[in-house]
Each structure stands twice: as structure tokens, then as C-alpha cells.
N, C-alpha and C. Protein backbone atom coordinates (compact mmCIF):
# COMPACT_ATOMS: atom_id res chain seq x y z
N MET A 1 -8.39 52.38 88.71
CA MET A 1 -7.51 53.48 88.32
C MET A 1 -7.09 54.31 89.53
N LEU A 2 -8.08 54.59 90.41
CA LEU A 2 -7.78 55.36 91.60
C LEU A 2 -6.80 54.63 92.49
N PHE A 3 -6.97 53.28 92.61
CA PHE A 3 -6.04 52.49 93.43
C PHE A 3 -4.64 52.55 92.84
N ALA A 4 -4.57 52.49 91.50
CA ALA A 4 -3.26 52.49 90.83
C ALA A 4 -2.48 53.76 91.14
N LEU A 5 -3.19 54.87 91.32
CA LEU A 5 -2.53 56.15 91.56
C LEU A 5 -2.46 56.51 93.04
N ALA A 6 -3.09 55.72 93.89
CA ALA A 6 -3.20 56.08 95.31
C ALA A 6 -1.95 55.75 96.10
N TYR A 7 -1.23 54.71 95.72
CA TYR A 7 -0.14 54.22 96.56
C TYR A 7 1.20 54.24 95.83
N MET A 8 2.21 54.57 96.61
CA MET A 8 3.60 54.49 96.15
C MET A 8 4.22 53.23 96.75
N VAL A 9 5.41 52.89 96.29
CA VAL A 9 6.05 51.67 96.79
C VAL A 9 6.33 51.75 98.29
N TYR A 10 6.41 52.98 98.82
CA TYR A 10 6.76 53.14 100.23
C TYR A 10 5.55 53.34 101.14
N ASN A 11 4.33 53.42 100.59
CA ASN A 11 3.17 53.62 101.48
C ASN A 11 2.03 52.63 101.22
N VAL A 12 2.37 51.48 100.67
CA VAL A 12 1.37 50.42 100.52
C VAL A 12 0.88 50.02 101.91
N PRO A 13 -0.43 49.88 102.13
CA PRO A 13 -0.96 49.56 103.46
C PRO A 13 -0.28 48.34 104.08
N TRP A 14 0.00 48.43 105.36
CA TRP A 14 0.76 47.38 106.04
C TRP A 14 0.06 46.03 105.96
N LEU A 15 -1.28 46.05 105.89
CA LEU A 15 -2.04 44.80 105.88
C LEU A 15 -1.73 43.96 104.63
N ILE A 16 -1.50 44.62 103.51
CA ILE A 16 -1.23 43.89 102.27
C ILE A 16 0.24 43.99 101.85
N ARG A 17 1.05 44.68 102.66
CA ARG A 17 2.45 44.90 102.27
C ARG A 17 3.24 43.59 102.11
N PRO A 18 3.10 42.60 103.01
CA PRO A 18 3.85 41.35 102.80
C PRO A 18 3.51 40.68 101.47
N PHE A 19 2.22 40.64 101.13
CA PHE A 19 1.80 40.06 99.85
C PHE A 19 2.34 40.89 98.68
N PHE A 20 2.28 42.21 98.84
CA PHE A 20 2.80 43.12 97.80
C PHE A 20 4.28 42.87 97.54
N LEU A 21 5.07 42.75 98.60
CA LEU A 21 6.51 42.52 98.45
C LEU A 21 6.78 41.14 97.86
N PHE A 22 6.04 40.14 98.32
CA PHE A 22 6.21 38.78 97.80
C PHE A 22 5.95 38.74 96.30
N MET A 23 4.82 39.31 95.87
CA MET A 23 4.46 39.29 94.45
C MET A 23 5.44 40.11 93.62
N SER A 24 5.88 41.24 94.16
CA SER A 24 6.83 42.09 93.43
C SER A 24 8.14 41.37 93.19
N TRP A 25 8.64 40.69 94.24
CA TRP A 25 9.89 39.94 94.09
C TRP A 25 9.70 38.73 93.18
N ALA A 26 8.55 38.07 93.27
CA ALA A 26 8.29 36.92 92.41
C ALA A 26 8.27 37.33 90.94
N ILE A 27 7.60 38.44 90.65
CA ILE A 27 7.54 38.93 89.26
C ILE A 27 8.91 39.40 88.80
N GLY A 28 9.59 40.17 89.67
CA GLY A 28 10.91 40.67 89.32
C GLY A 28 11.91 39.56 89.06
N LEU A 29 11.93 38.55 89.93
CA LEU A 29 12.85 37.42 89.76
C LEU A 29 12.53 36.62 88.49
N THR A 30 11.23 36.45 88.21
CA THR A 30 10.83 35.73 87.01
C THR A 30 11.30 36.45 85.75
N LEU A 31 11.08 37.76 85.71
CA LEU A 31 11.50 38.54 84.54
C LEU A 31 13.01 38.54 84.39
N TYR A 32 13.72 38.70 85.51
CA TYR A 32 15.19 38.69 85.46
C TYR A 32 15.69 37.34 84.95
N SER A 33 15.06 36.26 85.38
CA SER A 33 15.44 34.92 84.91
C SER A 33 15.22 34.78 83.41
N LEU A 34 14.11 35.35 82.92
CA LEU A 34 13.85 35.33 81.48
C LEU A 34 14.90 36.13 80.73
N PHE A 35 15.29 37.27 81.28
CA PHE A 35 16.34 38.06 80.64
C PHE A 35 17.65 37.27 80.57
N ALA A 36 17.95 36.53 81.64
CA ALA A 36 19.17 35.71 81.67
C ALA A 36 19.11 34.61 80.61
N ILE A 37 17.94 34.02 80.42
CA ILE A 37 17.78 32.99 79.39
C ILE A 37 17.99 33.59 77.99
N PHE A 38 17.42 34.76 77.77
CA PHE A 38 17.63 35.45 76.49
C PHE A 38 19.12 35.74 76.28
N ARG A 39 19.80 36.15 77.36
CA ARG A 39 21.24 36.46 77.24
C ARG A 39 22.03 35.23 76.87
N LEU A 40 21.65 34.08 77.39
CA LEU A 40 22.36 32.83 77.09
C LEU A 40 22.09 32.36 75.66
N THR A 41 20.91 32.64 75.15
CA THR A 41 20.54 32.11 73.83
C THR A 41 20.83 33.09 72.69
N CYS A 42 20.95 34.37 73.00
CA CYS A 42 21.21 35.36 71.94
C CYS A 42 22.71 35.62 71.79
N ARG A 43 23.10 35.99 70.60
CA ARG A 43 24.49 36.40 70.34
C ARG A 43 24.55 37.92 70.51
N VAL A 44 25.40 38.36 71.44
CA VAL A 44 25.48 39.78 71.77
C VAL A 44 26.85 40.33 71.38
N GLN A 45 26.85 41.45 70.69
CA GLN A 45 28.08 42.15 70.35
C GLN A 45 28.02 43.57 70.90
N TYR A 46 29.10 43.97 71.58
CA TYR A 46 29.20 45.32 72.12
C TYR A 46 30.15 46.12 71.23
N LYS A 47 29.65 47.19 70.66
CA LYS A 47 30.44 48.00 69.73
C LYS A 47 30.63 49.41 70.29
N GLY A 48 31.84 49.93 70.16
CA GLY A 48 32.11 51.30 70.59
C GLY A 48 32.57 51.43 72.02
N LEU A 49 32.84 50.32 72.68
CA LEU A 49 33.32 50.39 74.08
C LEU A 49 34.64 51.13 74.19
N ASP A 50 35.41 51.13 73.11
CA ASP A 50 36.70 51.81 73.11
C ASP A 50 36.54 53.33 73.21
N LYS A 51 35.33 53.83 73.01
CA LYS A 51 35.08 55.27 73.12
C LYS A 51 34.97 55.73 74.57
N LEU A 52 34.80 54.78 75.49
CA LEU A 52 34.62 55.11 76.90
C LEU A 52 35.95 55.14 77.62
N GLN A 53 36.08 56.06 78.56
CA GLN A 53 37.28 56.14 79.39
C GLN A 53 37.03 55.37 80.69
N ALA A 54 37.96 54.49 81.02
CA ALA A 54 37.77 53.59 82.16
C ALA A 54 37.60 54.34 83.48
N ASN A 55 38.22 55.50 83.59
CA ASN A 55 38.18 56.24 84.86
C ASN A 55 37.06 57.28 84.91
N GLN A 56 36.14 57.22 83.95
CA GLN A 56 35.04 58.18 83.91
C GLN A 56 33.70 57.48 84.17
N ASN A 57 32.77 58.23 84.70
CA ASN A 57 31.39 57.72 84.82
C ASN A 57 30.49 58.52 83.90
N TYR A 58 29.39 57.90 83.49
CA TYR A 58 28.58 58.49 82.42
C TYR A 58 27.08 58.41 82.71
N ILE A 59 26.35 59.16 81.89
CA ILE A 59 24.89 59.06 81.81
C ILE A 59 24.59 58.30 80.52
N TYR A 60 24.12 57.06 80.65
CA TYR A 60 23.81 56.25 79.47
C TYR A 60 22.35 56.48 79.08
N ALA A 61 22.12 56.87 77.83
CA ALA A 61 20.78 57.22 77.37
C ALA A 61 20.34 56.28 76.24
N PHE A 62 19.12 55.77 76.35
CA PHE A 62 18.56 54.93 75.29
C PHE A 62 17.04 55.07 75.31
N TRP A 63 16.40 54.80 74.18
CA TRP A 63 14.95 54.94 74.09
C TRP A 63 14.23 53.95 75.00
N HIS A 64 13.06 54.35 75.46
CA HIS A 64 12.28 53.53 76.39
C HIS A 64 11.92 52.18 75.80
N HIS A 65 11.73 52.10 74.49
CA HIS A 65 11.34 50.82 73.89
C HIS A 65 12.48 49.81 73.86
N HIS A 66 13.67 50.24 74.25
CA HIS A 66 14.82 49.34 74.30
C HIS A 66 15.15 48.88 75.72
N LEU A 67 14.21 49.06 76.66
CA LEU A 67 14.47 48.64 78.04
C LEU A 67 14.76 47.14 78.14
N ILE A 68 14.00 46.32 77.43
CA ILE A 68 14.18 44.87 77.54
C ILE A 68 15.54 44.43 76.99
N PRO A 69 15.95 44.84 75.78
CA PRO A 69 17.30 44.47 75.33
C PRO A 69 18.39 45.05 76.23
N TYR A 70 18.13 46.21 76.86
CA TYR A 70 19.12 46.75 77.80
C TYR A 70 19.30 45.81 78.98
N PHE A 71 18.18 45.37 79.58
CA PHE A 71 18.27 44.46 80.72
C PHE A 71 18.94 43.14 80.32
N ILE A 72 18.64 42.66 79.13
CA ILE A 72 19.22 41.39 78.67
C ILE A 72 20.74 41.50 78.53
N THR A 73 21.21 42.63 78.05
CA THR A 73 22.64 42.78 77.76
C THR A 73 23.43 43.43 78.89
N HIS A 74 22.75 43.78 79.98
CA HIS A 74 23.43 44.36 81.15
C HIS A 74 22.93 43.66 82.42
N LEU A 75 23.16 42.36 82.48
CA LEU A 75 22.61 41.57 83.58
C LEU A 75 23.25 41.88 84.92
N ARG A 76 24.48 42.38 84.91
CA ARG A 76 25.15 42.66 86.18
C ARG A 76 26.15 43.79 85.99
N TYR A 77 25.96 44.86 86.75
CA TYR A 77 26.84 46.01 86.65
C TYR A 77 28.20 45.73 87.29
N ARG A 78 29.24 46.27 86.68
CA ARG A 78 30.58 46.17 87.25
C ARG A 78 30.99 47.45 87.97
N LYS A 79 30.23 48.51 87.73
CA LYS A 79 30.50 49.79 88.37
C LYS A 79 29.23 50.27 89.07
N PRO A 80 29.37 51.14 90.08
CA PRO A 80 28.18 51.59 90.82
C PRO A 80 27.21 52.39 89.94
N HIS A 81 25.94 52.06 90.05
CA HIS A 81 24.90 52.73 89.28
C HIS A 81 23.81 53.26 90.21
N VAL A 82 23.22 54.36 89.79
CA VAL A 82 22.02 54.90 90.43
C VAL A 82 20.98 55.06 89.32
N TRP A 83 19.74 54.72 89.63
CA TRP A 83 18.64 54.85 88.68
C TRP A 83 17.57 55.75 89.25
N MET A 84 16.96 56.53 88.40
CA MET A 84 15.77 57.30 88.75
C MET A 84 14.58 56.54 88.18
N ASN A 85 13.60 56.22 89.04
CA ASN A 85 12.47 55.41 88.57
C ASN A 85 11.18 55.82 89.26
N HIS A 86 10.09 55.53 88.59
CA HIS A 86 8.75 55.92 89.06
C HIS A 86 8.44 55.27 90.41
N PRO A 87 7.84 56.03 91.35
CA PRO A 87 7.56 55.49 92.69
C PRO A 87 6.23 54.78 92.83
N LEU A 88 5.36 54.77 91.81
CA LEU A 88 4.06 54.12 91.96
C LEU A 88 4.21 52.63 92.25
N TRP A 89 3.28 52.07 92.99
CA TRP A 89 3.42 50.72 93.56
C TRP A 89 3.65 49.65 92.51
N PHE A 90 3.05 49.78 91.33
CA PHE A 90 3.17 48.72 90.33
C PHE A 90 4.53 48.70 89.64
N MET A 91 5.40 49.67 90.00
CA MET A 91 6.77 49.68 89.46
C MET A 91 7.74 48.88 90.32
N LYS A 92 7.28 48.35 91.44
CA LYS A 92 8.16 47.62 92.36
C LYS A 92 8.89 46.45 91.68
N PRO A 93 8.26 45.64 90.80
CA PRO A 93 9.02 44.58 90.13
C PRO A 93 10.20 45.12 89.32
N VAL A 94 10.04 46.31 88.74
CA VAL A 94 11.16 46.93 88.01
C VAL A 94 12.27 47.29 88.98
N HIS A 95 11.91 47.78 90.17
CA HIS A 95 12.91 48.10 91.19
C HIS A 95 13.66 46.83 91.61
N VAL A 96 12.94 45.72 91.67
CA VAL A 96 13.57 44.43 91.98
C VAL A 96 14.59 44.07 90.90
N ILE A 97 14.20 44.23 89.64
CA ILE A 97 15.12 43.94 88.53
C ILE A 97 16.36 44.82 88.63
N LEU A 98 16.18 46.10 88.91
CA LEU A 98 17.32 47.01 89.03
C LEU A 98 18.24 46.57 90.17
N THR A 99 17.66 46.12 91.27
CA THR A 99 18.45 45.62 92.39
C THR A 99 19.26 44.40 91.98
N LEU A 100 18.65 43.49 91.23
CA LEU A 100 19.34 42.28 90.77
C LEU A 100 20.46 42.62 89.78
N LEU A 101 20.30 43.72 89.05
CA LEU A 101 21.37 44.16 88.14
C LEU A 101 22.59 44.65 88.91
N GLY A 102 22.38 45.00 90.18
CA GLY A 102 23.47 45.52 90.99
C GLY A 102 23.38 47.02 91.21
N THR A 103 22.22 47.61 90.94
CA THR A 103 22.02 49.04 91.16
C THR A 103 22.17 49.35 92.65
N LYS A 104 23.04 50.31 92.96
CA LYS A 104 23.30 50.64 94.37
C LYS A 104 22.22 51.51 94.98
N LYS A 105 21.67 52.43 94.16
CA LYS A 105 20.66 53.35 94.68
C LYS A 105 19.54 53.52 93.65
N ILE A 106 18.31 53.65 94.14
CA ILE A 106 17.17 53.95 93.29
C ILE A 106 16.54 55.24 93.81
N ALA A 107 16.58 56.29 92.99
CA ALA A 107 15.98 57.57 93.34
C ALA A 107 14.52 57.54 92.89
N LEU A 108 13.61 57.54 93.84
CA LEU A 108 12.19 57.42 93.52
C LEU A 108 11.62 58.77 93.12
N GLY A 109 11.23 58.87 91.86
CA GLY A 109 10.66 60.11 91.36
C GLY A 109 10.48 60.08 89.87
N SER A 110 9.51 60.84 89.39
CA SER A 110 9.23 60.95 87.96
C SER A 110 8.40 62.21 87.75
N SER A 111 8.06 62.50 86.52
CA SER A 111 7.28 63.71 86.22
C SER A 111 5.99 63.72 87.03
N GLY A 112 5.84 64.74 87.87
CA GLY A 112 4.64 64.86 88.69
C GLY A 112 4.68 64.07 89.98
N TYR A 113 5.76 63.32 90.19
CA TYR A 113 5.88 62.48 91.40
C TYR A 113 7.27 62.67 92.03
N GLY A 114 7.58 63.89 92.39
CA GLY A 114 8.86 64.17 93.03
C GLY A 114 10.05 64.03 92.10
N GLY A 115 9.84 64.32 90.83
CA GLY A 115 10.90 64.15 89.85
C GLY A 115 12.10 65.05 90.08
N ARG A 116 11.85 66.30 90.48
CA ARG A 116 12.95 67.24 90.69
C ARG A 116 13.87 66.78 91.81
N LYS A 117 13.29 66.32 92.92
CA LYS A 117 14.10 65.84 94.04
C LYS A 117 14.90 64.61 93.65
N ALA A 118 14.28 63.69 92.90
CA ALA A 118 14.98 62.48 92.46
C ALA A 118 16.12 62.84 91.52
N LEU A 119 15.88 63.80 90.63
CA LEU A 119 16.93 64.25 89.72
C LEU A 119 18.11 64.81 90.49
N GLU A 120 17.84 65.58 91.52
CA GLU A 120 18.91 66.15 92.34
C GLU A 120 19.73 65.05 93.01
N GLN A 121 19.04 63.99 93.47
CA GLN A 121 19.76 62.87 94.09
C GLN A 121 20.67 62.18 93.09
N VAL A 122 20.17 61.95 91.87
CA VAL A 122 20.98 61.30 90.84
C VAL A 122 22.18 62.17 90.49
N VAL A 123 21.96 63.47 90.37
CA VAL A 123 23.05 64.40 90.06
C VAL A 123 24.13 64.34 91.14
N ASP A 124 23.71 64.34 92.40
CA ASP A 124 24.67 64.25 93.51
C ASP A 124 25.50 62.97 93.41
N ASP A 125 24.86 61.85 93.07
CA ASP A 125 25.58 60.58 92.96
C ASP A 125 26.49 60.55 91.73
N LEU A 126 26.07 61.16 90.65
CA LEU A 126 26.93 61.25 89.47
C LEU A 126 28.21 62.01 89.79
N ARG A 127 28.09 63.03 90.59
CA ARG A 127 29.25 63.85 90.94
C ARG A 127 30.29 63.08 91.76
N ILE A 128 29.85 62.01 92.45
CA ILE A 128 30.80 61.24 93.26
C ILE A 128 31.18 59.91 92.61
N GLY A 129 30.87 59.77 91.32
CA GLY A 129 31.39 58.61 90.59
C GLY A 129 30.40 57.56 90.14
N TYR A 130 29.12 57.73 90.45
CA TYR A 130 28.11 56.76 90.00
C TYR A 130 27.82 56.94 88.51
N ASN A 131 27.39 55.87 87.87
CA ASN A 131 26.83 55.92 86.52
C ASN A 131 25.31 55.89 86.64
N THR A 132 24.63 56.28 85.58
CA THR A 132 23.19 56.13 85.55
C THR A 132 22.73 55.83 84.14
N ALA A 133 21.51 55.34 84.02
CA ALA A 133 20.89 55.09 82.72
C ALA A 133 19.54 55.80 82.71
N ILE A 134 19.19 56.36 81.56
CA ILE A 134 17.96 57.14 81.47
C ILE A 134 17.32 56.97 80.11
N ASN A 135 16.01 57.00 80.10
CA ASN A 135 15.26 56.97 78.84
C ASN A 135 14.83 58.40 78.51
N PRO A 136 15.43 59.04 77.52
CA PRO A 136 15.14 60.45 77.24
C PRO A 136 13.71 60.73 76.80
N ASP A 137 12.97 59.67 76.40
CA ASP A 137 11.57 59.86 76.00
C ASP A 137 10.59 59.35 77.05
N GLY A 138 11.11 58.93 78.21
CA GLY A 138 10.25 58.42 79.26
C GLY A 138 9.72 59.54 80.14
N PRO A 139 8.80 59.22 81.07
CA PRO A 139 8.27 57.88 81.31
C PRO A 139 7.08 57.49 80.43
N ALA A 140 6.54 58.45 79.65
CA ALA A 140 5.32 58.11 78.90
C ALA A 140 5.27 58.77 77.53
N GLY A 141 6.43 59.03 76.95
CA GLY A 141 6.46 59.52 75.59
C GLY A 141 6.29 61.02 75.45
N PRO A 142 6.12 61.47 74.21
CA PRO A 142 6.01 60.69 72.97
C PRO A 142 7.27 59.87 72.68
N PRO A 143 7.11 58.71 72.07
CA PRO A 143 8.26 57.84 71.83
C PRO A 143 9.29 58.46 70.89
N CYS A 144 10.54 58.21 71.22
CA CYS A 144 11.68 58.63 70.39
C CYS A 144 11.76 60.14 70.21
N GLN A 145 11.29 60.88 71.20
CA GLN A 145 11.44 62.33 71.20
C GLN A 145 12.21 62.74 72.45
N LEU A 146 13.38 63.31 72.23
CA LEU A 146 14.27 63.66 73.33
C LEU A 146 13.68 64.78 74.19
N LYS A 147 13.59 64.52 75.50
CA LYS A 147 13.14 65.54 76.44
C LYS A 147 14.35 66.19 77.10
N HIS A 148 14.10 67.29 77.80
CA HIS A 148 15.21 68.08 78.33
C HIS A 148 15.84 67.48 79.58
N GLY A 149 15.19 66.46 80.20
CA GLY A 149 15.70 65.92 81.47
C GLY A 149 17.13 65.43 81.40
N VAL A 150 17.47 64.69 80.36
CA VAL A 150 18.82 64.16 80.23
C VAL A 150 19.82 65.29 80.01
N LEU A 151 19.41 66.35 79.32
CA LEU A 151 20.28 67.50 79.10
C LEU A 151 20.54 68.24 80.41
N ASP A 152 19.47 68.45 81.18
CA ASP A 152 19.60 69.13 82.48
C ASP A 152 20.49 68.32 83.42
N MET A 153 20.35 66.99 83.37
CA MET A 153 21.16 66.13 84.22
C MET A 153 22.64 66.25 83.88
N SER A 154 22.95 66.25 82.60
CA SER A 154 24.34 66.36 82.17
C SER A 154 24.95 67.69 82.58
N ILE A 155 24.19 68.77 82.41
CA ILE A 155 24.68 70.10 82.77
C ILE A 155 24.92 70.19 84.28
N ALA A 156 23.94 69.74 85.06
CA ALA A 156 24.02 69.86 86.52
C ALA A 156 25.15 69.03 87.11
N ALA A 157 25.36 67.82 86.57
CA ALA A 157 26.37 66.91 87.11
C ALA A 157 27.73 67.09 86.45
N ASN A 158 27.77 67.81 85.32
CA ASN A 158 28.99 67.96 84.53
C ASN A 158 29.52 66.59 84.09
N LYS A 159 28.60 65.75 83.63
CA LYS A 159 28.94 64.41 83.14
C LYS A 159 28.39 64.24 81.73
N ALA A 160 29.14 63.51 80.92
CA ALA A 160 28.77 63.33 79.52
C ALA A 160 27.66 62.29 79.37
N VAL A 161 26.88 62.48 78.32
CA VAL A 161 25.82 61.53 77.95
C VAL A 161 26.37 60.59 76.88
N VAL A 162 26.22 59.28 77.10
CA VAL A 162 26.62 58.29 76.10
C VAL A 162 25.35 57.67 75.51
N PRO A 163 25.05 57.96 74.25
CA PRO A 163 23.87 57.35 73.62
C PRO A 163 24.08 55.84 73.42
N LEU A 164 23.06 55.07 73.73
CA LEU A 164 23.09 53.62 73.55
C LEU A 164 22.03 53.23 72.52
N LYS A 165 22.47 52.47 71.54
CA LYS A 165 21.55 52.01 70.50
C LYS A 165 21.57 50.49 70.45
N PHE A 166 20.41 49.90 70.26
CA PHE A 166 20.30 48.44 70.20
C PHE A 166 19.75 48.05 68.83
N GLU A 167 20.50 47.21 68.14
CA GLU A 167 20.05 46.69 66.85
C GLU A 167 19.84 45.19 66.97
N MET A 168 18.65 44.74 66.59
CA MET A 168 18.30 43.32 66.70
C MET A 168 17.93 42.78 65.33
N LYS A 169 18.52 41.66 64.97
CA LYS A 169 18.23 41.06 63.67
C LYS A 169 16.77 40.61 63.58
N ARG A 170 16.28 40.08 64.70
CA ARG A 170 14.88 39.65 64.75
C ARG A 170 14.30 40.04 66.10
N CYS A 171 13.16 40.68 66.07
CA CYS A 171 12.52 41.07 67.33
C CYS A 171 11.02 41.20 67.14
N CYS A 172 10.32 41.19 68.27
CA CYS A 172 8.88 41.41 68.29
C CYS A 172 8.60 42.76 68.93
N ARG A 173 7.46 43.33 68.59
CA ARG A 173 7.04 44.59 69.20
C ARG A 173 5.80 44.33 70.06
N LEU A 174 5.85 44.85 71.28
CA LEU A 174 4.70 44.71 72.18
C LEU A 174 3.74 45.86 71.89
N SER A 175 2.76 45.60 71.03
CA SER A 175 1.88 46.66 70.53
C SER A 175 0.97 47.24 71.61
N PHE A 176 0.82 46.53 72.74
CA PHE A 176 -0.05 47.02 73.81
C PHE A 176 0.65 48.02 74.72
N THR A 177 1.94 48.26 74.51
CA THR A 177 2.68 49.25 75.30
C THR A 177 2.76 50.56 74.52
N TRP A 178 2.84 51.68 75.23
CA TRP A 178 2.82 52.98 74.56
C TRP A 178 4.02 53.17 73.64
N ASP A 179 5.14 52.53 73.97
CA ASP A 179 6.35 52.69 73.17
C ASP A 179 6.63 51.51 72.25
N GLN A 180 5.73 50.52 72.25
CA GLN A 180 5.92 49.31 71.46
C GLN A 180 7.29 48.68 71.75
N LYS A 181 7.46 48.28 72.99
CA LYS A 181 8.73 47.71 73.44
C LYS A 181 9.22 46.60 72.52
N ARG A 182 10.52 46.59 72.27
CA ARG A 182 11.14 45.57 71.43
C ARG A 182 11.62 44.41 72.29
N VAL A 183 11.33 43.20 71.83
CA VAL A 183 11.76 41.98 72.49
C VAL A 183 12.50 41.12 71.47
N PRO A 184 13.78 40.85 71.69
CA PRO A 184 14.52 40.04 70.71
C PRO A 184 14.01 38.61 70.67
N VAL A 185 14.12 37.99 69.52
CA VAL A 185 13.74 36.60 69.36
C VAL A 185 14.90 35.74 69.88
N PRO A 186 14.62 34.69 70.68
CA PRO A 186 15.70 33.81 71.16
C PRO A 186 16.56 33.30 70.00
N PHE A 187 17.85 33.18 70.27
CA PHE A 187 18.85 32.69 69.31
C PHE A 187 19.11 33.69 68.18
N SER A 188 18.67 34.93 68.37
CA SER A 188 18.97 35.97 67.39
C SER A 188 20.19 36.77 67.86
N ARG A 189 20.49 37.83 67.16
CA ARG A 189 21.67 38.64 67.47
C ARG A 189 21.26 40.02 67.96
N ILE A 190 21.97 40.50 68.98
CA ILE A 190 21.75 41.85 69.50
C ILE A 190 23.06 42.61 69.44
N ASP A 191 23.06 43.75 68.77
CA ASP A 191 24.23 44.63 68.75
C ASP A 191 23.97 45.79 69.70
N VAL A 192 24.88 45.97 70.66
CA VAL A 192 24.80 47.10 71.59
C VAL A 192 25.83 48.12 71.12
N ILE A 193 25.35 49.28 70.68
CA ILE A 193 26.23 50.27 70.06
C ILE A 193 26.36 51.49 70.96
N TYR A 194 27.59 51.72 71.44
CA TYR A 194 27.89 52.88 72.27
C TYR A 194 28.26 54.05 71.36
N GLY A 195 27.54 55.16 71.49
CA GLY A 195 27.81 56.32 70.67
C GLY A 195 28.91 57.20 71.26
N GLU A 196 29.15 58.31 70.58
CA GLU A 196 30.13 59.28 71.06
C GLU A 196 29.58 60.01 72.28
N ALA A 197 30.40 60.13 73.32
CA ALA A 197 29.98 60.84 74.52
C ALA A 197 29.73 62.32 74.20
N VAL A 198 28.65 62.85 74.76
CA VAL A 198 28.27 64.24 74.51
C VAL A 198 28.20 64.99 75.84
N GLN A 199 29.09 65.97 76.02
CA GLN A 199 29.04 66.81 77.21
C GLN A 199 28.12 67.99 76.94
N VAL A 200 27.06 68.09 77.71
CA VAL A 200 26.06 69.14 77.49
C VAL A 200 26.39 70.36 78.35
N THR A 201 26.31 71.53 77.76
CA THR A 201 26.45 72.79 78.49
C THR A 201 25.28 73.69 78.10
N GLU A 202 25.11 74.77 78.84
CA GLU A 202 24.05 75.71 78.49
C GLU A 202 24.29 76.29 77.09
N ALA A 203 25.57 76.47 76.75
CA ALA A 203 25.91 77.08 75.47
C ALA A 203 25.62 76.17 74.28
N ASN A 204 25.80 74.85 74.46
CA ASN A 204 25.65 73.93 73.32
C ASN A 204 24.41 73.04 73.43
N LYS A 205 23.46 73.43 74.26
CA LYS A 205 22.33 72.56 74.59
C LYS A 205 21.58 72.06 73.36
N GLN A 206 21.28 72.94 72.44
CA GLN A 206 20.52 72.56 71.25
C GLN A 206 21.34 71.63 70.36
N GLN A 207 22.61 71.95 70.18
CA GLN A 207 23.49 71.11 69.36
C GLN A 207 23.68 69.75 70.00
N ALA A 208 23.84 69.72 71.34
CA ALA A 208 24.02 68.46 72.06
C ALA A 208 22.78 67.59 71.94
N ALA A 209 21.61 68.20 72.04
CA ALA A 209 20.36 67.45 71.91
C ALA A 209 20.27 66.78 70.54
N HIS A 210 20.66 67.51 69.51
CA HIS A 210 20.64 66.95 68.15
C HIS A 210 21.64 65.80 68.03
N SER A 211 22.82 65.96 68.63
CA SER A 211 23.85 64.92 68.56
C SER A 211 23.40 63.65 69.26
N ILE A 212 22.79 63.79 70.44
CA ILE A 212 22.30 62.62 71.18
C ILE A 212 21.18 61.94 70.41
N GLN A 213 20.21 62.73 69.97
CA GLN A 213 19.06 62.18 69.25
C GLN A 213 19.50 61.41 68.00
N SER A 214 20.47 61.93 67.28
CA SER A 214 20.90 61.30 66.03
C SER A 214 21.64 59.99 66.26
N GLN A 215 22.13 59.76 67.49
CA GLN A 215 22.88 58.54 67.78
C GLN A 215 22.03 57.46 68.44
N LEU A 216 20.77 57.77 68.74
CA LEU A 216 19.91 56.81 69.43
C LEU A 216 19.14 55.94 68.43
């Protein structure tokens, strides 16, 4: 446990760093390949794309338990993205997956681990045209309970939040994860539903939170 909390992705001891990077990329590439196989075998429908403006960038929000269907249905970004992600060493395979998706920047930070600085970096990038994706109940729950981070991000960057919902005809739940991550069954159907964009302000913060939560 102490080792798990002792090192970040940027300060792994040099003696084991080559092995750390090799294993991280091996795991990340393997998972990304599995996501690609799921994408080829599943039927995917994107609904609500007409609600998005082509010349706008957004904050895409979805529950943490939908990370796997998100990766499956967004294998390669067409627009620049920045992600905020946990800096602990065991998150490196996730950073590899984000890189393979085409993420241009990864802001290393989370609650208790430089989260405020990482949030500021994401806000700066949103202001110059980047998109981002965020789990409003992350990084560790409670599941499906909207936290204020996504609201603060929208206010600071003056960018709208687009709720993303994933509906799967058949899926499994990973009961050993805190959020019981959903994994679609191969050859099943995944519906990716884009909700109405919500611009958050200090004045409408409570109403905006309700609107986002109800669309997730």
C-alpha cells in the first residue's frame, strides 16, 4: 500500500523505470487492442450529435462506470483533447490509452494530488479550443453523484458541459471495482447519447447540476 502511494508516474526510480514504462505500454496497448475488437464486433449508434456545434469545444461528462464503453466508442479523436488524470504510477496504462486515443495533453492531478493545478491547466486549454472529458463522480465516488468539479470547470472556462450517456443491450458489471464498471458483451449494441449542452454560471449552478445529473 505504501509503495502504491509513494510514486507518481514522473518519479518512479530510474532503476526500474525502463521496466515500468515497458509494462505500462504493454498493458495500455493490450487494453486498447481489446477496445478496438469490441468496437469491431459491437453495433454502435451515436444519438444527439446534431445538438453539437461544429465550431465549438465542450466538456464531455459521463459516469466513471462508463469509462470502458467510452473508450470503445471513441477510439480516435478528431479534435484536440486534454484530459485530467490521476498521477499515481499505476495509472500509467490509462495515460497510454489516452495517448492512443489522440489526446494532445494530459494534466496530471486529482483530489489530493495537485488537482487544483491540473484543473487550471485544463481550463486554460479549454479556453483555446481543446475539448475534455470528465467523470463527475470520479475519481473514487460515491458513484453516480455529481461533484462540483465539472461545474467549476465550466464556469472557469466558459464552456458548456455535454452529458454523455451509454446504453448497452447486454453488459457485464465488474463487481470488484468501486463503481462496478460496465463492459459490453461482444456483438451487442451500444447507444452513445449526447445530451443537451449545459452552460454553467454562478447564478444557475444548482439548476445546471440538476440538468447534467438528469441526463447522465
